[in-house]
Amino acid sequence: MPRPVTVAITGGIGAGKSEALKAFARHGAAVASSDEIVHRLLAGDPEVLEAVHGRWGDGVLDGDGRIDRARVAERVFADRSELEWLEALLHPRVVREYEKWKAEQTGALTVVEIPLLYETGADRRFDRVVVITAPAEVRAARRPTPDDRETRLLPDEEKARRADYAFVNAGSREELDRFVARVVEELTRSGG
């Protein structure tokens, strides 16, 4: 049996990566989200809990002794070196979780959402890359609270230049769905 075509979705904050991932799922792809993997690691990985608690103490734990993501976010988004430490802790674990998940898939297409795809060099692990962009005013309306995370990301134009597929997500979900349907058809028809 041929191995599935592996696709990564990336793009700026508020561009619509999660909606694109949902659209790929509707069109039959096996999907995963690196953000969801991070959430699972923070919620239940004992080594992550020990490392985070050892670095930041009780101030980042909730009343049940679990990691409080909001408190961690306050800390890491205020101090780039702390964010880099957390990413160094989590990224290898995310990759292992994704690779394990991917090995279990039997369909023609696997798709994973990775916000820091190019920034971490993860694009090398995928057959194809889809970039979802949106105008700044659209992204700002979709984000609950602005922060400086965007300054760490490659500009949308550079991501789109490197990608195999790019979509400006400024219209309806139906338009996004039609774009995804075309990508799925092309990738499953040609085998990647």
C-alpha atoms as a PDB file:
ATOM      1  CA  MET A   1       0.000   0.000   0.000  1.00  0.00           C
ATOM      2  CA  PRO A   2       1.431   3.422  -0.904  1.00  0.00           C
ATOM      3  CA  ARG A   3       2.136   5.779   1.977  1.00  0.00           C
ATOM      4  CA  PRO A   4      -0.177   8.768   2.454  1.00  0.00           C
ATOM      5  CA  VAL A   5       0.728  12.128   0.966  1.00  0.00           C
ATOM      6  CA  THR A   6       1.768  14.338   3.893  1.00  0.00           C
ATOM      7  CA  VAL A   7       0.593  17.942   3.888  1.00  0.00           C
ATOM      8  CA  ALA A   8       1.322  20.769   6.320  1.00  0.00           C
ATOM      9  CA  ILE A   9      -0.928  23.807   6.731  1.00  0.00           C
ATOM     10  CA  THR A  10       0.658  27.010   7.978  1.00  0.00           C
ATOM     11  CA  GLY A  11      -0.043  30.723   7.950  1.00  0.00           C
ATOM     12  CA  GLY A  12      -0.343  33.787  10.118  1.00  0.00           C
ATOM     13  CA  ILE A  13      -2.317  34.121  13.323  1.00  0.00           C
ATOM     14  CA  GLY A  14      -6.014  34.487  12.542  1.00  0.00           C
ATOM     15  CA  ALA A  15      -5.598  33.538   8.877  1.00  0.00           C
ATOM     16  CA  GLY A  16      -7.892  30.525   9.116  1.00  0.00           C
ATOM     17  CA  LYS A  17      -5.557  27.531   9.419  1.00  0.00           C
ATOM     18  CA  SER A  18      -7.944  25.710  11.738  1.00  0.00           C
ATOM     19  CA  GLU A  19     -10.851  26.236   9.355  1.00  0.00           C
ATOM     20  CA  ALA A  20      -8.716  24.915   6.506  1.00  0.00           C
ATOM     21  CA  LEU A  21      -7.839  21.854   8.614  1.00  0.00           C
ATOM     22  CA  LYS A  22     -11.556  21.232   9.221  1.00  0.00           C
ATOM     23  CA  ALA A  23     -12.170  21.510   5.488  1.00  0.00           C
ATOM     24  CA  PHE A  24      -9.471  18.916   4.765  1.00  0.00           C
ATOM     25  CA  ALA A  25     -11.163  16.594   7.279  1.00  0.00           C
ATOM     26  CA  ARG A  26     -14.538  17.103   5.547  1.00  0.00           C
ATOM     27  CA  HIS A  27     -12.872  16.068   2.292  1.00  0.00           C
ATOM     28  CA  GLY A  28     -11.560  12.810   3.728  1.00  0.00           C
ATOM     29  CA  ALA A  29      -8.039  13.641   4.917  1.00  0.00           C
ATOM     30  CA  ALA A  30      -6.732  12.417   8.246  1.00  0.00           C
ATOM     31  CA  VAL A  31      -5.962  15.589  10.193  1.00  0.00           C
ATOM     32  CA  ALA A  32      -3.993  16.654  13.255  1.00  0.00           C
ATOM     33  CA  SER A  33      -3.203  19.981  14.879  1.00  0.00           C
ATOM     34  CA  SER A  34       0.149  20.739  16.469  1.00  0.00           C
ATOM     35  CA  ASP A  35      -1.640  23.208  18.752  1.00  0.00           C
ATOM     36  CA  GLU A  36      -3.896  20.407  19.992  1.00  0.00           C
ATOM     37  CA  ILE A  37      -0.853  18.195  20.559  1.00  0.00           C
ATOM     38  CA  VAL A  38       0.745  21.008  22.599  1.00  0.00           C
ATOM     39  CA  HIS A  39      -2.450  21.336  24.646  1.00  0.00           C
ATOM     40  CA  ARG A  40      -2.442  17.581  25.342  1.00  0.00           C
ATOM     41  CA  LEU A  41       1.224  17.681  26.372  1.00  0.00           C
ATOM     42  CA  LEU A  42       0.638  20.600  28.722  1.00  0.00           C
ATOM     43  CA  ALA A  43      -2.436  18.905  30.167  1.00  0.00           C
ATOM     44  CA  GLY A  44      -1.111  15.412  30.678  1.00  0.00           C
ATOM     45  CA  ASP A  45       2.582  14.768  30.064  1.00  0.00           C
ATOM     46  CA  PRO A  46       4.296  14.234  33.449  1.00  0.00           C
ATOM     47  CA  GLU A  47       7.735  15.195  32.098  1.00  0.00           C
ATOM     48  CA  VAL A  48       6.365  18.456  30.717  1.00  0.00           C
ATOM     49  CA  LEU A  49       4.624  19.192  34.021  1.00  0.00           C
ATOM     50  CA  GLU A  50       7.826  18.506  35.948  1.00  0.00           C
ATOM     51  CA  ALA A  51       9.934  20.697  33.645  1.00  0.00           C
ATOM     52  CA  VAL A  52       7.443  23.588  33.607  1.00  0.00           C
ATOM     53  CA  HIS A  53       6.940  23.454  37.373  1.00  0.00           C
ATOM     54  CA  GLY A  54      10.688  23.218  37.923  1.00  0.00           C
ATOM     55  CA  ARG A  55      11.298  26.302  35.812  1.00  0.00           C
ATOM     56  CA  TRP A  56       8.399  28.541  36.884  1.00  0.00           C
ATOM     57  CA  GLY A  57       7.132  27.121  40.154  1.00  0.00           C
ATOM     58  CA  ASP A  58       3.608  26.989  41.534  1.00  0.00           C
ATOM     59  CA  GLY A  59       2.633  30.264  39.839  1.00  0.00           C
ATOM     60  CA  VAL A  60       1.861  28.476  36.569  1.00  0.00           C
ATOM     61  CA  LEU A  61      -0.239  25.713  38.114  1.00  0.00           C
ATOM     62  CA  ASP A  62      -3.972  25.660  38.713  1.00  0.00           C
ATOM     63  CA  GLY A  63      -5.648  24.596  41.956  1.00  0.00           C
ATOM     64  CA  ASP A  64      -5.371  20.918  40.960  1.00  0.00           C
ATOM     65  CA  GLY A  65      -1.623  21.097  40.319  1.00  0.00           C
ATOM     66  CA  ARG A  66      -1.987  21.055  36.541  1.00  0.00           C
ATOM     67  CA  ILE A  67      -0.411  23.506  34.131  1.00  0.00           C
ATOM     68  CA  ASP A  68      -2.553  26.608  33.638  1.00  0.00           C
ATOM     69  CA  ARG A  69      -2.050  27.481  29.955  1.00  0.00           C
ATOM     70  CA  ALA A  70      -3.166  31.090  30.439  1.00  0.00           C
ATOM     71  CA  ARG A  71      -0.532  31.648  33.136  1.00  0.00           C
ATOM     72  CA  VAL A  72       2.132  30.030  30.993  1.00  0.00           C
ATOM     73  CA  ALA A  73       1.083  32.205  28.042  1.00  0.00           C
ATOM     74  CA  GLU A  74       1.397  35.367  30.146  1.00  0.00           C
ATOM     75  CA  ARG A  75       4.917  34.366  31.114  1.00  0.00           C
ATOM     76  CA  VAL A  76       6.225  33.249  27.726  1.00  0.00           C
ATOM     77  CA  PHE A  77       4.685  35.992  25.623  1.00  0.00           C
ATOM     78  CA  ALA A  78       6.221  38.596  27.924  1.00  0.00           C
ATOM     79  CA  ASP A  79       9.733  37.104  27.675  1.00  0.00           C
ATOM     80  CA  ARG A  80      11.076  35.719  24.415  1.00  0.00           C
ATOM     81  CA  SER A  81      13.779  33.647  26.137  1.00  0.00           C
ATOM     82  CA  GLU A  82      11.095  31.874  28.189  1.00  0.00           C
ATOM     83  CA  LEU A  83       9.096  31.217  25.025  1.00  0.00           C
ATOM     84  CA  GLU A  84      12.201  29.763  23.388  1.00  0.00           C
ATOM     85  CA  TRP A  85      12.728  27.514  26.421  1.00  0.00           C
ATOM     86  CA  LEU A  86       9.133  26.259  26.261  1.00  0.00           C
ATOM     87  CA  GLU A  87       9.328  25.665  22.513  1.00  0.00           C
ATOM     88  CA  ALA A  88      12.573  23.706  22.964  1.00  0.00           C
ATOM     89  CA  LEU A  89      10.774  21.554  25.541  1.00  0.00           C
ATOM     90  CA  LEU A  90       7.637  21.001  23.480  1.00  0.00           C
ATOM     91  CA  HIS A  91       8.699  20.897  19.813  1.00  0.00           C
ATOM     92  CA  PRO A  92      10.545  17.536  19.922  1.00  0.00           C
ATOM     93  CA  ARG A  93       7.605  15.999  21.755  1.00  0.00           C
ATOM     94  CA  VAL A  94       5.137  17.429  19.229  1.00  0.00           C
ATOM     95  CA  VAL A  95       7.185  15.954  16.384  1.00  0.00           C
ATOM     96  CA  ARG A  96       7.240  12.524  18.069  1.00  0.00           C
ATOM     97  CA  GLU A  97       3.464  12.629  18.646  1.00  0.00           C
ATOM     98  CA  TYR A  98       2.835  13.675  15.057  1.00  0.00           C
ATOM     99  CA  GLU A  99       5.149  11.020  13.619  1.00  0.00           C
ATOM    100  CA  LYS A 100       3.465   8.344  15.734  1.00  0.00           C
ATOM    101  CA  TRP A 101       0.031   9.545  14.586  1.00  0.00           C
ATOM    102  CA  LYS A 102       1.140   9.670  10.944  1.00  0.00           C
ATOM    103  CA  ALA A 103       2.469   6.098  11.067  1.00  0.00           C
ATOM    104  CA  GLU A 104      -0.978   4.905  12.154  1.00  0.00           C
ATOM    105  CA  GLN A 105      -2.790   6.498   9.187  1.00  0.00           C
ATOM    106  CA  THR A 106      -3.912   4.384   6.240  1.00  0.00           C
ATOM    107  CA  GLY A 107      -5.725   6.927   4.042  1.00  0.00           C
ATOM    108  CA  ALA A 108      -4.369   8.687   0.992  1.00  0.00           C
ATOM    109  CA  LEU A 109      -3.782  12.045   2.668  1.00  0.00           C
ATOM    110  CA  THR A 110      -2.598  13.254   6.082  1.00  0.00           C
ATOM    111  CA  VAL A 111      -2.761  16.946   6.937  1.00  0.00           C
ATOM    112  CA  VAL A 112      -1.353  18.691   9.993  1.00  0.00           C
ATOM    113  CA  GLU A 113      -1.626  22.316  11.048  1.00  0.00           C
ATOM    114  CA  ILE A 114       1.751  23.764  12.101  1.00  0.00           C
ATOM    115  CA  PRO A 115       1.866  27.517  12.799  1.00  0.00           C
ATOM    116  CA  LEU A 116       5.698  27.644  12.989  1.00  0.00           C
ATOM    117  CA  LEU A 117       6.329  25.329  10.033  1.00  0.00           C
ATOM    118  CA  TYR A 118       8.980  27.318   8.177  1.00  0.00           C
ATOM    119  CA  GLU A 119      10.338  28.967  11.304  1.00  0.00           C
ATOM    120  CA  THR A 120      11.270  25.564  12.767  1.00  0.00           C
ATOM    121  CA  GLY A 121      12.380  23.925   9.508  1.00  0.00           C
ATOM    122  CA  ALA A 122       9.530  21.397   9.769  1.00  0.00           C
ATOM    123  CA  ASP A 123       8.552  21.886   6.126  1.00  0.00           C
ATOM    124  CA  ARG A 124      11.231  19.336   5.169  1.00  0.00           C
ATOM    125  CA  ARG A 125       9.120  16.555   6.727  1.00  0.00           C
ATOM    126  CA  PHE A 126       6.158  17.059   4.364  1.00  0.00           C
ATOM    127  CA  ASP A 127       5.391  16.301   0.737  1.00  0.00           C
ATOM    128  CA  ARG A 128       3.359  19.476   0.258  1.00  0.00           C
ATOM    129  CA  VAL A 129       2.716  22.755   2.081  1.00  0.00           C
ATOM    130  CA  VAL A 130      -0.489  24.793   2.069  1.00  0.00           C
ATOM    131  CA  VAL A 131      -0.291  28.403   3.264  1.00  0.00           C
ATOM    132  CA  ILE A 132      -3.426  30.175   4.416  1.00  0.00           C
ATOM    133  CA  THR A 133      -3.189  33.967   4.522  1.00  0.00           C
ATOM    134  CA  ALA A 134      -5.650  36.768   5.132  1.00  0.00           C
ATOM    135  CA  PRO A 135      -5.467  40.563   5.032  1.00  0.00           C
ATOM    136  CA  ALA A 136      -4.277  42.160   8.282  1.00  0.00           C
ATOM    137  CA  GLU A 137      -7.686  43.658   9.086  1.00  0.00           C
ATOM    138  CA  VAL A 138      -9.404  40.279   8.665  1.00  0.00           C
ATOM    139  CA  ARG A 139      -6.835  38.531  10.885  1.00  0.00           C
ATOM    140  CA  ALA A 140      -7.136  41.254  13.526  1.00  0.00           C
ATOM    141  CA  ALA A 141     -10.909  40.792  13.644  1.00  0.00           C
ATOM    142  CA  ARG A 142     -10.469  37.031  14.167  1.00  0.00           C
ATOM    143  CA  ARG A 143      -7.934  37.288  17.011  1.00  0.00           C
ATOM    144  CA  PRO A 144      -9.327  37.791  20.498  1.00  0.00           C
ATOM    145  CA  THR A 145      -6.312  39.723  21.785  1.00  0.00           C
ATOM    146  CA  PRO A 146      -3.421  40.999  19.727  1.00  0.00           C
ATOM    147  CA  ASP A 147       0.114  40.175  20.787  1.00  0.00           C
ATOM    148  CA  ASP A 148       3.602  40.270  19.331  1.00  0.00           C
ATOM    149  CA  ARG A 149       3.743  36.610  18.229  1.00  0.00           C
ATOM    150  CA  GLU A 150       3.333  37.699  14.627  1.00  0.00           C
ATOM    151  CA  THR A 151       6.743  39.399  14.748  1.00  0.00           C
ATOM    152  CA  ARG A 152       8.361  35.965  15.114  1.00  0.00           C
ATOM    153  CA  LEU A 153       6.762  34.618  11.948  1.00  0.00           C
ATOM    154  CA  LEU A 154       7.944  34.801   8.379  1.00  0.00           C
ATOM    155  CA  PRO A 155       5.910  37.299   6.350  1.00  0.00           C
ATOM    156  CA  ASP A 156       2.924  35.823   4.511  1.00  0.00           C
ATOM    157  CA  GLU A 157       4.480  36.700   1.154  1.00  0.00           C
ATOM    158  CA  GLU A 158       7.557  34.572   1.926  1.00  0.00           C
ATOM    159  CA  LYS A 159       5.436  31.664   3.135  1.00  0.00           C
ATOM    160  CA  ALA A 160       3.285  31.830   0.013  1.00  0.00           C
ATOM    161  CA  ARG A 161       6.399  31.919  -2.177  1.00  0.00           C
ATOM    162  CA  ARG A 162       7.728  28.734  -0.563  1.00  0.00           C
ATOM    163  CA  ALA A 163       4.411  26.858  -0.450  1.00  0.00           C
ATOM    164  CA  ASP A 164       2.981  24.449  -2.972  1.00  0.00           C
ATOM    165  CA  TYR A 165      -0.486  25.973  -2.482  1.00  0.00           C
ATOM    166  CA  ALA A 166      -1.567  29.340  -1.094  1.00  0.00           C
ATOM    167  CA  PHE A 167      -4.999  30.699  -0.369  1.00  0.00           C
ATOM    168  CA  VAL A 168      -6.037  34.210   0.681  1.00  0.00           C
ATOM    169  CA  ASN A 169      -8.794  33.510   3.181  1.00  0.00           C
ATOM    170  CA  ALA A 170     -10.749  36.761   2.996  1.00  0.00           C
ATOM    171  CA  GLY A 171     -14.060  35.412   1.773  1.00  0.00           C
ATOM    172  CA  SER A 172     -16.530  32.758   2.791  1.00  0.00           C
ATOM    173  CA  ARG A 173     -15.996  29.319   4.262  1.00  0.00           C
ATOM    174  CA  GLU A 174     -17.445  27.952   1.042  1.00  0.00           C
ATOM    175  CA  GLU A 175     -14.607  29.549  -0.937  1.00  0.00           C
ATOM    176  CA  LEU A 176     -12.060  28.026   1.446  1.00  0.00           C
ATOM    177  CA  ASP A 177     -13.826  24.684   1.125  1.00  0.00           C
ATOM    178  CA  ARG A 178     -13.694  24.839  -2.684  1.00  0.00           C
ATOM    179  CA  PHE A 179      -9.950  25.591  -2.547  1.00  0.00           C
ATOM    180  CA  VAL A 180      -9.355  22.645  -0.212  1.00  0.00           C
ATOM    181  CA  ALA A 181     -11.478  20.340  -2.404  1.00  0.00           C
ATOM    182  CA  ARG A 182      -9.289  21.221  -5.411  1.00  0.00           C
ATOM    183  CA  VAL A 183      -6.091  20.544  -3.433  1.00  0.00           C
ATOM    184  CA  VAL A 184      -7.413  17.216  -2.130  1.00  0.00           C
ATOM    185  CA  GLU A 185      -8.490  16.142  -5.591  1.00  0.00           C
ATOM    186  CA  GLU A 186      -5.122  17.051  -7.105  1.00  0.00           C
ATOM    187  CA  LEU A 187      -3.079  15.378  -4.378  1.00  0.00           C
ATOM    188  CA  THR A 188      -5.088  12.171  -4.248  1.00  0.00           C
ATOM    189  CA  ARG A 189      -5.339  11.899  -8.011  1.00  0.00           C
ATOM    190  CA  SER A 190      -1.622  12.412  -8.598  1.00  0.00           C
ATOM    191  CA  GLY A 191      -0.364  10.733  -5.425  1.00  0.00           C
ATOM    192  CA  GLY A 192       1.259  13.914  -4.194  1.00  0.00           C
END
